[in-house]
Amino acid sequence: MDLSPLLRVQSRRPAPPRRRSKKTRDRVAKQEALIRAATKLFASKGYDVTTTREIAATAGCAEGLIHRYFQGKAGLLPGMMSYHASRNVGELNDRLPRADSLDGEIQQLMAWEVERMWRDRDLLRACLPHAILDPKVGRFISRIGPQRDAKAIAERLRRHRKKGTQVSDDDLDAISQAIGALGFSFGFMRPVVFGLDTRQARKAASRVARILTRGLEQR
């Protein structure tokens, strides 16, 4: 899949809301409506059989806007990935208050990741088959998703590192990646792919988070 359309989509995407004109607000609203519709349809029907007409009808937009904003259906998939990745990092920084301790931070970040993966299950259903079949898509998803996510998590964890601690940057980077990977496992793979109970998955993730913090406390 050619991922170049995403770069053009990203370059046109407005900055966070600040004195936007009505025209800009309308454009952003339509882009987001098309992304939400495409996410839902790609997840339920599959990318190949979903038509741009269906996407436009579900979004309540003109079909021509898909070409204008995303250069056609091929640009919608990477556009979806970019939109969700940007939203997730923004919400992590803006909506999740800083915990009082490293232990508390790891606990709440683990819970956040599990809930996020569950919330984004339609996106993952739509994107993962392409990532498996096309290494370029897999690398792209990793760059805008897990890598950005792990960096944001590591930055939060570093704020709790006490002076003189033996917890290194490498330790925190590894924990950040583990939180993302475990969030994917407990928030998506277990409940969605394997059909396991979501409450049990959340409890298991919480126990793993406590194990991680105990390992740090012993260093």
C-alpha atoms as a PDB file:
ATOM      1  CA  MET A   1       0.000   0.000   0.000  1.00  0.00           C
ATOM      2  CA  ASP A   2       1.268   3.484  -0.882  1.00  0.00           C
ATOM      3  CA  LEU A   3       1.457   5.482   2.341  1.00  0.00           C
ATOM      4  CA  SER A   4       2.456   8.771   0.724  1.00  0.00           C
ATOM      5  CA  PRO A   5      -1.095  10.188   0.794  1.00  0.00           C
ATOM      6  CA  LEU A   6      -0.881  10.282   4.582  1.00  0.00           C
ATOM      7  CA  LEU A   7       1.877  12.870   4.475  1.00  0.00           C
ATOM      8  CA  ARG A   8      -0.373  15.195   2.526  1.00  0.00           C
ATOM      9  CA  VAL A   9      -3.294  14.513   4.843  1.00  0.00           C
ATOM     10  CA  GLN A  10      -1.149  15.243   7.886  1.00  0.00           C
ATOM     11  CA  SER A  11       0.227  18.431   6.399  1.00  0.00           C
ATOM     12  CA  ARG A  12      -3.275  19.789   5.864  1.00  0.00           C
ATOM     13  CA  ARG A  13      -4.577  18.829   9.260  1.00  0.00           C
ATOM     14  CA  PRO A  14      -5.124  21.977  11.346  1.00  0.00           C
ATOM     15  CA  ALA A  15      -3.418  22.682  14.632  1.00  0.00           C
ATOM     16  CA  PRO A  16      -5.290  22.105  17.912  1.00  0.00           C
ATOM     17  CA  PRO A  17      -8.439  24.269  18.140  1.00  0.00           C
ATOM     18  CA  ARG A  18      -7.555  27.945  18.433  1.00  0.00           C
ATOM     19  CA  ARG A  19      -9.550  30.621  16.647  1.00  0.00           C
ATOM     20  CA  ARG A  20     -10.536  28.303  13.834  1.00  0.00           C
ATOM     21  CA  SER A  21     -12.690  29.736  11.100  1.00  0.00           C
ATOM     22  CA  LYS A  22     -16.073  28.184  10.398  1.00  0.00           C
ATOM     23  CA  LYS A  23     -14.689  26.815   7.131  1.00  0.00           C
ATOM     24  CA  THR A  24     -11.809  25.134   8.946  1.00  0.00           C
ATOM     25  CA  ARG A  25     -14.111  23.711  11.618  1.00  0.00           C
ATOM     26  CA  ASP A  26     -16.408  22.290   8.957  1.00  0.00           C
ATOM     27  CA  ARG A  27     -13.483  20.688   7.111  1.00  0.00           C
ATOM     28  CA  VAL A  28     -12.114  19.102  10.269  1.00  0.00           C
ATOM     29  CA  ALA A  29     -15.567  17.829  11.249  1.00  0.00           C
ATOM     30  CA  LYS A  30     -16.046  16.229   7.831  1.00  0.00           C
ATOM     31  CA  GLN A  31     -12.591  14.645   7.867  1.00  0.00           C
ATOM     32  CA  GLU A  32     -13.262  13.159  11.289  1.00  0.00           C
ATOM     33  CA  ALA A  33     -16.723  11.945  10.226  1.00  0.00           C
ATOM     34  CA  LEU A  34     -15.191  10.173   7.211  1.00  0.00           C
ATOM     35  CA  ILE A  35     -12.478   8.620   9.376  1.00  0.00           C
ATOM     36  CA  ARG A  36     -15.010   7.357  11.926  1.00  0.00           C
ATOM     37  CA  ALA A  37     -17.209   5.933   9.182  1.00  0.00           C
ATOM     38  CA  ALA A  38     -14.288   4.259   7.427  1.00  0.00           C
ATOM     39  CA  THR A  39     -13.031   2.784  10.706  1.00  0.00           C
ATOM     40  CA  LYS A  40     -16.417   1.255  11.450  1.00  0.00           C
ATOM     41  CA  LEU A  41     -16.961  -0.124   7.956  1.00  0.00           C
ATOM     42  CA  PHE A  42     -13.425  -1.428   7.422  1.00  0.00           C
ATOM     43  CA  ALA A  43     -13.651  -3.255  10.753  1.00  0.00           C
ATOM     44  CA  SER A  44     -17.086  -4.808  10.131  1.00  0.00           C
ATOM     45  CA  LYS A  45     -16.982  -5.482   6.369  1.00  0.00           C
ATOM     46  CA  GLY A  46     -13.308  -5.386   5.468  1.00  0.00           C
ATOM     47  CA  TYR A  47     -11.285  -2.830   3.561  1.00  0.00           C
ATOM     48  CA  ASP A  48     -11.535  -4.453   0.136  1.00  0.00           C
ATOM     49  CA  VAL A  49     -15.330  -4.737  -0.061  1.00  0.00           C
ATOM     50  CA  THR A  50     -16.171  -1.384   1.516  1.00  0.00           C
ATOM     51  CA  THR A  51     -16.908   1.296  -1.080  1.00  0.00           C
ATOM     52  CA  THR A  52     -16.292   5.016  -0.890  1.00  0.00           C
ATOM     53  CA  ARG A  53     -20.009   5.521  -1.486  1.00  0.00           C
ATOM     54  CA  GLU A  54     -20.804   3.549   1.686  1.00  0.00           C
ATOM     55  CA  ILE A  55     -18.237   5.494   3.672  1.00  0.00           C
ATOM     56  CA  ALA A  56     -19.581   8.833   2.490  1.00  0.00           C
ATOM     57  CA  ALA A  57     -23.191   7.832   3.174  1.00  0.00           C
ATOM     58  CA  THR A  58     -22.345   6.648   6.693  1.00  0.00           C
ATOM     59  CA  ALA A  59     -20.434   9.875   7.369  1.00  0.00           C
ATOM     60  CA  GLY A  60     -23.159  12.057   5.892  1.00  0.00           C
ATOM     61  CA  CYS A  61     -20.660  13.636   3.492  1.00  0.00           C
ATOM     62  CA  ALA A  62     -20.247  13.957  -0.257  1.00  0.00           C
ATOM     63  CA  GLU A  63     -18.273  11.096  -1.774  1.00  0.00           C
ATOM     64  CA  GLY A  64     -15.936  13.530  -3.514  1.00  0.00           C
ATOM     65  CA  LEU A  65     -14.581  14.694  -0.166  1.00  0.00           C
ATOM     66  CA  ILE A  66     -12.830  11.346   0.257  1.00  0.00           C
ATOM     67  CA  HIS A  67     -10.679  12.154  -2.742  1.00  0.00           C
ATOM     68  CA  ARG A  68     -10.228  15.783  -1.733  1.00  0.00           C
ATOM     69  CA  TYR A  69      -9.094  15.038   1.813  1.00  0.00           C
ATOM     70  CA  PHE A  70      -7.498  11.595   1.473  1.00  0.00           C
ATOM     71  CA  GLN A  71      -6.748  11.157  -2.257  1.00  0.00           C
ATOM     72  CA  GLY A  72      -9.266   8.323  -2.382  1.00  0.00           C
ATOM     73  CA  LYS A  73      -9.913   5.169  -0.428  1.00  0.00           C
ATOM     74  CA  ALA A  74      -6.221   4.197  -0.311  1.00  0.00           C
ATOM     75  CA  GLY A  75      -5.449   7.314   1.717  1.00  0.00           C
ATOM     76  CA  LEU A  76      -8.205   6.685   4.243  1.00  0.00           C
ATOM     77  CA  LEU A  77      -6.488   3.778   5.958  1.00  0.00           C
ATOM     78  CA  PRO A  78      -3.243   5.615   6.801  1.00  0.00           C
ATOM     79  CA  GLY A  79      -5.319   8.704   7.553  1.00  0.00           C
ATOM     80  CA  MET A  80      -7.241   6.694  10.136  1.00  0.00           C
ATOM     81  CA  MET A  81      -4.022   5.470  11.727  1.00  0.00           C
ATOM     82  CA  SER A  82      -2.571   8.963  11.954  1.00  0.00           C
ATOM     83  CA  TYR A  83      -5.764  10.476  13.328  1.00  0.00           C
ATOM     84  CA  HIS A  84      -6.143   7.907  16.086  1.00  0.00           C
ATOM     85  CA  ALA A  85      -2.442   7.989  16.989  1.00  0.00           C
ATOM     86  CA  SER A  86      -2.461  11.784  17.338  1.00  0.00           C
ATOM     87  CA  ARG A  87      -5.639  11.699  19.370  1.00  0.00           C
ATOM     88  CA  ASN A  88      -4.313   9.030  21.717  1.00  0.00           C
ATOM     89  CA  VAL A  89      -1.080  10.867  22.529  1.00  0.00           C
ATOM     90  CA  GLY A  90      -2.980  14.131  22.967  1.00  0.00           C
ATOM     91  CA  GLU A  91      -5.473  12.547  25.352  1.00  0.00           C
ATOM     92  CA  LEU A  92      -2.699  10.887  27.323  1.00  0.00           C
ATOM     93  CA  ASN A  93      -1.021  14.238  27.935  1.00  0.00           C
ATOM     94  CA  ASP A  94      -4.159  16.313  28.406  1.00  0.00           C
ATOM     95  CA  ARG A  95      -6.678  14.068  30.161  1.00  0.00           C
ATOM     96  CA  LEU A  96      -4.677  11.737  32.378  1.00  0.00           C
ATOM     97  CA  PRO A  97      -3.563  13.573  35.526  1.00  0.00           C
ATOM     98  CA  ARG A  98      -0.090  12.929  36.833  1.00  0.00           C
ATOM     99  CA  ALA A  99      -0.059  10.311  39.601  1.00  0.00           C
ATOM    100  CA  ASP A 100       1.549  10.947  42.977  1.00  0.00           C
ATOM    101  CA  SER A 101       4.168   8.210  42.592  1.00  0.00           C
ATOM    102  CA  LEU A 102       5.926   6.057  40.021  1.00  0.00           C
ATOM    103  CA  ASP A 103       3.924   3.087  41.269  1.00  0.00           C
ATOM    104  CA  GLY A 104       0.667   4.970  40.772  1.00  0.00           C
ATOM    105  CA  GLU A 105       1.773   6.230  37.373  1.00  0.00           C
ATOM    106  CA  ILE A 106       2.542   2.742  36.099  1.00  0.00           C
ATOM    107  CA  GLN A 107      -0.777   1.475  37.426  1.00  0.00           C
ATOM    108  CA  GLN A 108      -2.835   4.182  35.758  1.00  0.00           C
ATOM    109  CA  LEU A 109      -0.872   4.043  32.505  1.00  0.00           C
ATOM    110  CA  MET A 110      -1.451   0.309  32.274  1.00  0.00           C
ATOM    111  CA  ALA A 111      -5.177   0.788  32.860  1.00  0.00           C
ATOM    112  CA  TRP A 112      -5.197   3.620  30.307  1.00  0.00           C
ATOM    113  CA  GLU A 113      -3.536   1.480  27.647  1.00  0.00           C
ATOM    114  CA  VAL A 114      -5.903  -1.447  28.220  1.00  0.00           C
ATOM    115  CA  GLU A 115      -8.950   0.808  27.936  1.00  0.00           C
ATOM    116  CA  ARG A 116      -7.529   2.562  24.874  1.00  0.00           C
ATOM    117  CA  MET A 117      -6.917  -0.688  23.027  1.00  0.00           C
ATOM    118  CA  TRP A 118     -10.441  -1.829  23.805  1.00  0.00           C
ATOM    119  CA  ARG A 119     -11.871   1.497  22.635  1.00  0.00           C
ATOM    120  CA  ASP A 120      -9.823   1.345  19.411  1.00  0.00           C
ATOM    121  CA  ARG A 121     -10.676  -2.278  18.664  1.00  0.00           C
ATOM    122  CA  ASP A 122     -12.405  -1.367  15.375  1.00  0.00           C
ATOM    123  CA  LEU A 123      -9.317   0.504  14.218  1.00  0.00           C
ATOM    124  CA  LEU A 124      -7.114  -2.460  15.081  1.00  0.00           C
ATOM    125  CA  ARG A 125      -9.448  -4.878  13.302  1.00  0.00           C
ATOM    126  CA  ALA A 126      -9.204  -2.709  10.208  1.00  0.00           C
ATOM    127  CA  CYS A 127      -5.453  -2.080  10.244  1.00  0.00           C
ATOM    128  CA  LEU A 128      -3.778  -5.218  11.561  1.00  0.00           C
ATOM    129  CA  PRO A 129      -4.536  -7.455   8.543  1.00  0.00           C
ATOM    130  CA  HIS A 130      -2.768  -4.913   6.332  1.00  0.00           C
ATOM    131  CA  ALA A 131       0.165  -4.676   8.718  1.00  0.00           C
ATOM    132  CA  ILE A 132       0.578  -8.445   8.622  1.00  0.00           C
ATOM    133  CA  LEU A 133       0.490  -8.616   4.833  1.00  0.00           C
ATOM    134  CA  ASP A 134       2.418  -5.444   4.029  1.00  0.00           C
ATOM    135  CA  PRO A 135       5.642  -4.731   5.985  1.00  0.00           C
ATOM    136  CA  LYS A 136       5.485  -1.064   4.957  1.00  0.00           C
ATOM    137  CA  VAL A 137       2.139  -0.689   6.684  1.00  0.00           C
ATOM    138  CA  GLY A 138       3.494  -2.480   9.753  1.00  0.00           C
ATOM    139  CA  ARG A 139       6.480  -0.147   9.985  1.00  0.00           C
ATOM    140  CA  PHE A 140       4.256   2.855   9.487  1.00  0.00           C
ATOM    141  CA  ILE A 141       1.869   1.763  12.240  1.00  0.00           C
ATOM    142  CA  SER A 142       4.806   1.146  14.574  1.00  0.00           C
ATOM    143  CA  ARG A 143       6.258   4.591  13.896  1.00  0.00           C
ATOM    144  CA  ILE A 144       3.085   6.604  14.468  1.00  0.00           C
ATOM    145  CA  GLY A 145       1.542   4.292  17.084  1.00  0.00           C
ATOM    146  CA  PRO A 146       3.595   2.168  19.514  1.00  0.00           C
ATOM    147  CA  GLN A 147       6.797   4.201  19.172  1.00  0.00           C
ATOM    148  CA  ARG A 148       5.095   7.544  19.789  1.00  0.00           C
ATOM    149  CA  ASP A 149       3.020   6.036  22.553  1.00  0.00           C
ATOM    150  CA  ALA A 150       6.048   4.538  24.317  1.00  0.00           C
ATOM    151  CA  LYS A 151       7.882   7.855  24.114  1.00  0.00           C
ATOM    152  CA  ALA A 152       4.963   9.708  25.711  1.00  0.00           C
ATOM    153  CA  ILE A 153       4.705   7.094  28.483  1.00  0.00           C
ATOM    154  CA  ALA A 154       8.457   7.205  29.169  1.00  0.00           C
ATOM    155  CA  GLU A 155       8.344  10.993  29.513  1.00  0.00           C
ATOM    156  CA  ARG A 156       5.650  10.684  32.174  1.00  0.00           C
ATOM    157  CA  LEU A 157       7.569   8.008  34.060  1.00  0.00           C
ATOM    158  CA  ARG A 158      10.770  10.079  34.099  1.00  0.00           C
ATOM    159  CA  ARG A 159       8.994  12.817  36.035  1.00  0.00           C
ATOM    160  CA  HIS A 160       8.730  10.429  38.978  1.00  0.00           C
ATOM    161  CA  ARG A 161      12.321   9.292  39.017  1.00  0.00           C
ATOM    162  CA  LYS A 162      13.881  10.291  42.310  1.00  0.00           C
ATOM    163  CA  LYS A 163      17.328  11.798  42.569  1.00  0.00           C
ATOM    164  CA  GLY A 164      19.950   9.105  43.114  1.00  0.00           C
ATOM    165  CA  THR A 165      17.702   6.292  41.947  1.00  0.00           C
ATOM    166  CA  GLN A 166      19.149   3.330  40.088  1.00  0.00           C
ATOM    167  CA  VAL A 167      16.276   3.331  37.621  1.00  0.00           C
ATOM    168  CA  SER A 168      17.904   4.161  34.288  1.00  0.00           C
ATOM    169  CA  ASP A 169      16.473   5.616  31.095  1.00  0.00           C
ATOM    170  CA  ASP A 170      16.806   2.169  29.540  1.00  0.00           C
ATOM    171  CA  ASP A 171      14.708   0.702  32.370  1.00  0.00           C
ATOM    172  CA  LEU A 172      11.971   3.277  31.867  1.00  0.00           C
ATOM    173  CA  ASP A 173      12.046   2.882  28.094  1.00  0.00           C
ATOM    174  CA  ALA A 174      11.663  -0.884  28.488  1.00  0.00           C
ATOM    175  CA  ILE A 175       8.799  -0.460  30.940  1.00  0.00           C
ATOM    176  CA  SER A 176       7.104   1.992  28.584  1.00  0.00           C
ATOM    177  CA  GLN A 177       7.271  -0.502  25.743  1.00  0.00           C
ATOM    178  CA  ALA A 178       6.044  -3.260  28.051  1.00  0.00           C
ATOM    179  CA  ILE A 179       3.043  -1.162  29.105  1.00  0.00           C
ATOM    180  CA  GLY A 180       2.108  -0.636  25.457  1.00  0.00           C
ATOM    181  CA  ALA A 181       2.562  -4.286  24.547  1.00  0.00           C
ATOM    182  CA  LEU A 182       0.626  -5.507  27.579  1.00  0.00           C
ATOM    183  CA  GLY A 183      -2.112  -2.981  26.928  1.00  0.00           C
ATOM    184  CA  PHE A 184      -2.455  -4.418  23.419  1.00  0.00           C
ATOM    185  CA  SER A 185      -2.529  -7.971  24.763  1.00  0.00           C
ATOM    186  CA  PHE A 186      -5.008  -7.396  27.595  1.00  0.00           C
ATOM    187  CA  GLY A 187      -7.074  -4.687  25.908  1.00  0.00           C
ATOM    188  CA  PHE A 188      -7.382  -6.155  22.419  1.00  0.00           C
ATOM    189  CA  MET A 189      -5.984  -9.636  21.852  1.00  0.00           C
ATOM    190  CA  ARG A 190      -7.509 -11.361  24.856  1.00  0.00           C
ATOM    191  CA  PRO A 191     -11.029  -9.895  24.786  1.00  0.00           C
ATOM    192  CA  VAL A 192     -11.422  -9.315  21.024  1.00  0.00           C
ATOM    193  CA  VAL A 193      -9.387 -12.051  19.357  1.00  0.00           C
ATOM    194  CA  PHE A 194      -9.605 -14.773  22.006  1.00  0.00           C
ATOM    195  CA  GLY A 195     -13.036 -13.800  23.378  1.00  0.00           C
ATOM    196  CA  LEU A 196     -11.937 -13.690  27.016  1.00  0.00           C
ATOM    197  CA  ASP A 197     -13.734 -11.684  29.671  1.00  0.00           C
ATOM    198  CA  THR A 198     -12.753  -8.000  29.607  1.00  0.00           C
ATOM    199  CA  ARG A 199     -12.952  -7.652  33.403  1.00  0.00           C
ATOM    200  CA  GLN A 200     -10.559 -10.524  33.919  1.00  0.00           C
ATOM    201  CA  ALA A 201      -8.199  -9.026  31.348  1.00  0.00           C
ATOM    202  CA  ARG A 202      -8.194  -5.699  33.208  1.00  0.00           C
ATOM    203  CA  LYS A 203      -7.525  -7.405  36.534  1.00  0.00           C
ATOM    204  CA  ALA A 204      -4.651  -9.384  35.059  1.00  0.00           C
ATOM    205  CA  ALA A 205      -3.148  -6.206  33.579  1.00  0.00           C
ATOM    206  CA  SER A 206      -3.361  -4.511  36.966  1.00  0.00           C
ATOM    207  CA  ARG A 207      -1.522  -7.403  38.621  1.00  0.00           C
ATOM    208  CA  VAL A 208       1.220  -7.221  36.003  1.00  0.00           C
ATOM    209  CA  ALA A 209       1.573  -3.488  36.646  1.00  0.00           C
ATOM    210  CA  ARG A 210       2.109  -4.188  40.351  1.00  0.00           C
ATOM    211  CA  ILE A 211       4.775  -6.759  39.482  1.00  0.00           C
ATOM    212  CA  LEU A 212       6.576  -4.183  37.338  1.00  0.00           C
ATOM    213  CA  THR A 213       6.611  -1.624  40.117  1.00  0.00           C
ATOM    214  CA  ARG A 214       7.867  -4.154  42.660  1.00  0.00           C
ATOM    215  CA  GLY A 215      10.784  -4.915  40.358  1.00  0.00           C
ATOM    216  CA  LEU A 216      11.682  -1.232  40.217  1.00  0.00           C
ATOM    217  CA  GLU A 217      11.417  -0.789  43.973  1.00  0.00           C
ATOM    218  CA  GLN A 218      14.019  -3.516  44.485  1.00  0.00           C
ATOM    219  CA  ARG A 219      16.613  -1.752  42.355  1.00  0.00           C
END
